[in-house]
C-alpha atoms as a PDB file:
ATOM      1  CA  MET A   1      -0.170   0.509  -0.002  1.00  0.00           C
ATOM      2  CA  GLN A   2       1.722   3.142  -1.283  1.00  0.00           C
ATOM      3  CA  SER A   3       1.467   5.924   1.610  1.00  0.00           C
ATOM      4  CA  THR A   4      -0.112   9.083   0.156  1.00  0.00           C
ATOM      5  CA  PHE A   5       2.031  11.612   1.872  1.00  0.00           C
ATOM      6  CA  ASN A   6       4.589  10.158  -0.808  1.00  0.00           C
ATOM      7  CA  ASN A   7       1.822  11.091  -3.902  1.00  0.00           C
ATOM      8  CA  THR A   8       3.469  13.911  -5.382  1.00  0.00           C
ATOM      9  CA  ASN A   9      -0.273  15.031  -6.963  1.00  0.00           C
ATOM     10  CA  SER A  10      -1.296  15.889  -2.942  1.00  0.00           C
ATOM     11  CA  MET A  11      -0.105  19.794  -3.886  1.00  0.00           C
ATOM     12  CA  ALA A  12      -2.625  21.969  -3.861  1.00  0.00           C
ATOM     13  CA  PHE A  13      -3.913  25.017  -2.686  1.00  0.00           C
ATOM     14  CA  ASN A  14      -6.927  25.052  -0.382  1.00  0.00           C
ATOM     15  CA  LYS A  15      -8.210  28.831  -0.271  1.00  0.00           C
ATOM     16  CA  SER A  16     -10.966  28.064   2.501  1.00  0.00           C
ATOM     17  CA  TYR A  17      -8.210  25.972   5.016  1.00  0.00           C
ATOM     18  CA  PHE A  18      -6.337  28.762   4.561  1.00  0.00           C
ATOM     19  CA  LEU A  19      -7.860  31.424   5.505  1.00  0.00           C
ATOM     20  CA  LEU A  20      -8.967  29.162   8.193  1.00  0.00           C
ATOM     21  CA  ALA A  21      -5.086  28.743   9.313  1.00  0.00           C
ATOM     22  CA  LEU A  22      -5.323  32.483   9.266  1.00  0.00           C
ATOM     23  CA  ALA A  23      -8.414  33.226  11.559  1.00  0.00           C
ATOM     24  CA  LEU A  24      -6.438  30.497  13.610  1.00  0.00           C
ATOM     25  CA  PHE A  25      -3.109  32.256  14.034  1.00  0.00           C
ATOM     26  CA  ILE A  26      -4.506  35.536  14.697  1.00  0.00           C
ATOM     27  CA  THR A  27      -6.401  34.118  17.659  1.00  0.00           C
ATOM     28  CA  GLU A  28      -3.686  32.495  18.689  1.00  0.00           C
ATOM     29  CA  VAL A  29      -1.619  35.729  18.925  1.00  0.00           C
ATOM     30  CA  LEU A  30      -4.479  37.354  20.893  1.00  0.00           C
ATOM     31  CA  ILE A  31      -4.635  34.570  23.194  1.00  0.00           C
ATOM     32  CA  GLY A  32      -1.101  34.740  23.936  1.00  0.00           C
ATOM     33  CA  THR A  33      -0.355  38.651  24.192  1.00  0.00           C
ATOM     34  CA  TYR A  34      -3.818  39.830  25.975  1.00  0.00           C
ATOM     35  CA  MET A  35      -5.119  36.595  27.567  1.00  0.00           C
ATOM     36  CA  HIS A  36      -3.641  35.794  31.100  1.00  0.00           C
ATOM     37  CA  ASP A  37      -6.464  33.543  32.969  1.00  0.00           C
ATOM     38  CA  ALA A  38      -6.602  30.333  34.083  1.00  0.00           C
ATOM     39  CA  ILE A  39      -8.417  28.510  31.539  1.00  0.00           C
ATOM     40  CA  ILE A  40      -8.400  30.287  27.883  1.00  0.00           C
ATOM     41  CA  ARG A  41      -4.685  30.974  27.685  1.00  0.00           C
ATOM     42  CA  PRO A  42      -3.445  27.355  28.902  1.00  0.00           C
ATOM     43  CA  TYR A  43      -6.338  25.434  27.391  1.00  0.00           C
ATOM     44  CA  GLY A  44      -7.593  26.954  24.797  1.00  0.00           C
ATOM     45  CA  GLY A  45      -4.159  27.918  22.918  1.00  0.00           C
ATOM     46  CA  ASP A  46      -3.296  24.217  23.255  1.00  0.00           C
ATOM     47  CA  PHE A  47      -6.277  23.079  21.930  1.00  0.00           C
ATOM     48  CA  LEU A  48      -7.100  25.790  19.072  1.00  0.00           C
ATOM     49  CA  VAL A  49      -2.935  25.276  17.943  1.00  0.00           C
ATOM     50  CA  VAL A  50      -3.850  21.337  16.795  1.00  0.00           C
ATOM     51  CA  ILE A  51      -6.187  22.870  14.674  1.00  0.00           C
ATOM     52  CA  LEU A  52      -4.245  25.946  13.294  1.00  0.00           C
ATOM     53  CA  ILE A  53      -1.247  23.283  11.926  1.00  0.00           C
ATOM     54  CA  TYR A  54      -3.475  20.679  10.748  1.00  0.00           C
ATOM     55  CA  CYS A  55      -5.388  23.783   8.584  1.00  0.00           C
ATOM     56  CA  ILE A  56      -2.193  24.937   7.341  1.00  0.00           C
ATOM     57  CA  VAL A  57      -1.266  21.025   6.262  1.00  0.00           C
ATOM     58  CA  LYS A  58      -4.548  21.050   4.568  1.00  0.00           C
ATOM     59  CA  SER A  59      -3.615  24.791   2.919  1.00  0.00           C
ATOM     60  CA  PHE A  60      -0.967  23.316   0.758  1.00  0.00           C
ATOM     61  CA  LEU A  61      -1.680  19.584   0.864  1.00  0.00           C
ATOM     62  CA  ASN A  62      -4.448  17.307  -0.289  1.00  0.00           C
ATOM     63  CA  LEU A  63      -3.614  14.406   2.424  1.00  0.00           C
ATOM     64  CA  PRO A  64      -6.257  11.731   3.909  1.00  0.00           C
ATOM     65  CA  VAL A  65      -8.120  13.546   6.821  1.00  0.00           C
ATOM     66  CA  LEU A  66      -7.285  10.725   9.443  1.00  0.00           C
ATOM     67  CA  GLN A  67      -3.952  10.361   8.299  1.00  0.00           C
ATOM     68  CA  THR A  68      -3.492  13.962   8.762  1.00  0.00           C
ATOM     69  CA  ALA A  69      -4.880  14.096  11.680  1.00  0.00           C
ATOM     70  CA  CYS A  70      -2.899  11.361  13.273  1.00  0.00           C
ATOM     71  CA  TYR A  71      -0.024  12.280  12.150  1.00  0.00           C
ATOM     72  CA  LEU A  72      -0.060  15.729  13.721  1.00  0.00           C
ATOM     73  CA  LEU A  73      -1.389  13.653  17.089  1.00  0.00           C
ATOM     74  CA  ILE A  74       1.489  11.846  17.162  1.00  0.00           C
ATOM     75  CA  PHE A  75       3.630  15.327  16.188  1.00  0.00           C
ATOM     76  CA  ALA A  76       1.710  17.504  18.776  1.00  0.00           C
ATOM     77  CA  TYR A  77       2.414  14.665  21.161  1.00  0.00           C
ATOM     78  CA  ALA A  78       6.342  14.238  20.326  1.00  0.00           C
ATOM     79  CA  VAL A  79       6.766  18.208  20.695  1.00  0.00           C
ATOM     80  CA  GLU A  80       4.715  17.645  24.773  1.00  0.00           C
ATOM     81  CA  ILE A  81       6.870  14.631  25.397  1.00  0.00           C
ATOM     82  CA  SER A  82      10.152  16.116  23.897  1.00  0.00           C
ATOM     83  CA  GLN A  83       9.056  19.004  27.024  1.00  0.00           C
ATOM     84  CA  TYR A  84       9.053  16.754  30.049  1.00  0.00           C
ATOM     85  CA  PHE A  85      12.979  15.747  29.021  1.00  0.00           C
ATOM     86  CA  HIS A  86      13.823  19.361  28.792  1.00  0.00           C
ATOM     87  CA  LEU A  87      14.596  19.413  25.260  1.00  0.00           C
ATOM     88  CA  VAL A  88      15.204  22.793  24.733  1.00  0.00           C
ATOM     89  CA  ASN A  89      17.768  22.869  27.684  1.00  0.00           C
ATOM     90  CA  ILE A  90      19.705  20.053  25.919  1.00  0.00           C
ATOM     91  CA  LEU A  91      20.058  21.640  22.719  1.00  0.00           C
ATOM     92  CA  GLY A  92      21.021  24.910  24.221  1.00  0.00           C
ATOM     93  CA  LEU A  93      18.333  26.742  23.278  1.00  0.00           C
ATOM     94  CA  GLN A  94      17.157  27.993  26.464  1.00  0.00           C
ATOM     95  CA  ASN A  95      17.995  31.101  25.785  1.00  0.00           C
ATOM     96  CA  ASN A  96      16.063  31.604  22.773  1.00  0.00           C
ATOM     97  CA  SER A  97      12.766  33.135  23.109  1.00  0.00           C
ATOM     98  CA  VAL A  98      11.136  31.885  19.724  1.00  0.00           C
ATOM     99  CA  ALA A  99      12.673  27.790  20.630  1.00  0.00           C
ATOM    100  CA  LYS A 100      10.823  28.214  24.058  1.00  0.00           C
ATOM    101  CA  ILE A 101       7.541  28.997  22.280  1.00  0.00           C
ATOM    102  CA  LEU A 102       7.844  26.613  19.469  1.00  0.00           C
ATOM    103  CA  LEU A 103       9.322  24.117  21.724  1.00  0.00           C
ATOM    104  CA  GLY A 104       7.854  24.701  25.113  1.00  0.00           C
ATOM    105  CA  THR A 105       9.673  24.441  28.101  1.00  0.00           C
ATOM    106  CA  PHE A 106       6.932  22.318  30.490  1.00  0.00           C
ATOM    107  CA  PHE A 107       5.188  19.570  30.310  1.00  0.00           C
ATOM    108  CA  SER A 108       1.706  18.786  30.838  1.00  0.00           C
ATOM    109  CA  ILE A 109      -0.313  16.375  30.983  1.00  0.00           C
ATOM    110  CA  THR A 110      -3.534  18.387  30.322  1.00  0.00           C
ATOM    111  CA  ASP A 111      -1.762  19.551  27.227  1.00  0.00           C
ATOM    112  CA  LEU A 112      -1.887  16.079  25.427  1.00  0.00           C
ATOM    113  CA  LEU A 113      -5.629  15.952  26.249  1.00  0.00           C
ATOM    114  CA  ALA A 114      -6.458  19.386  24.753  1.00  0.00           C
ATOM    115  CA  TYR A 115      -4.527  18.319  21.416  1.00  0.00           C
ATOM    116  CA  THR A 116      -6.874  15.090  21.709  1.00  0.00           C
ATOM    117  CA  LEU A 117      -9.647  17.024  22.028  1.00  0.00           C
ATOM    118  CA  GLY A 118      -8.544  19.532  19.165  1.00  0.00           C
ATOM    119  CA  ILE A 119      -8.046  16.493  16.994  1.00  0.00           C
ATOM    120  CA  LEU A 120     -11.246  14.860  17.289  1.00  0.00           C
ATOM    121  CA  LEU A 121     -12.843  18.069  16.779  1.00  0.00           C
ATOM    122  CA  VAL A 122     -11.140  18.427  13.977  1.00  0.00           C
ATOM    123  CA  ILE A 123     -12.175  14.714  12.703  1.00  0.00           C
ATOM    124  CA  VAL A 124     -16.094  15.301  13.620  1.00  0.00           C
ATOM    125  CA  SER A 125     -15.793  18.591  11.555  1.00  0.00           C
ATOM    126  CA  GLU A 126     -14.459  17.097   8.410  1.00  0.00           C
ATOM    127  CA  ASN A 127     -16.912  14.500   8.756  1.00  0.00           C
ATOM    128  CA  ILE A 128     -19.919  16.829   9.122  1.00  0.00           C
ATOM    129  CA  ARG A 129     -18.434  18.619   6.370  1.00  0.00           C
ATOM    130  CA  LYS A 130     -18.084  15.327   4.001  1.00  0.00           C
ATOM    131  CA  ARG A 131     -21.223  14.114   5.224  1.00  0.00           C
ATOM    132  CA  ALA A 132     -22.969  17.316   3.934  1.00  0.00           C
ATOM    133  CA  ALA A 133     -21.491  17.109   0.775  1.00  0.00           C
ATOM    134  CA  GLY A 134     -22.388  13.160   0.569  1.00  0.00           C
ATOM    135  CA  SER A 135     -19.517  11.443   1.786  1.00  0.00           C
ATOM    136  CA  LEU A 136     -17.854   9.930   4.803  1.00  0.00           C
ATOM    137  CA  ILE A 137     -14.404   9.980   5.896  1.00  0.00           C
ATOM    138  CA  THR A 138     -13.066   6.512   5.418  1.00  0.00           C
ATOM    139  CA  ARG A 139      -9.280   7.071   6.001  1.00  0.00           C
END
């Protein structure tokens, strides 16, 4: 079975996903800049970031929903687990604010839950969209 990720025909710009990614990026920046609460910033941002990355990927690559969502969730888990092992410090990037923002510095099991819920929302939303178009997601 050939992997869809190796298919050269998967390159395709999708304006809808791109605009959604842009809106999510702006939302993430606003959350990071102005929200200093105990719910939205720590949990909402993590919930939305996997949806943002999914939309960025789907903006440029026409890949299967479930496969893309699963690989993205594994990626998000890997980044979070790297925080447990203090990867930023191991790489000597503890003074690099961009690296600290992208890789994170503090492991939290609730972040894994937020990523999972974000990906579940993606899958449910894509199924609703596909059902409205007359087909269900099967891969």
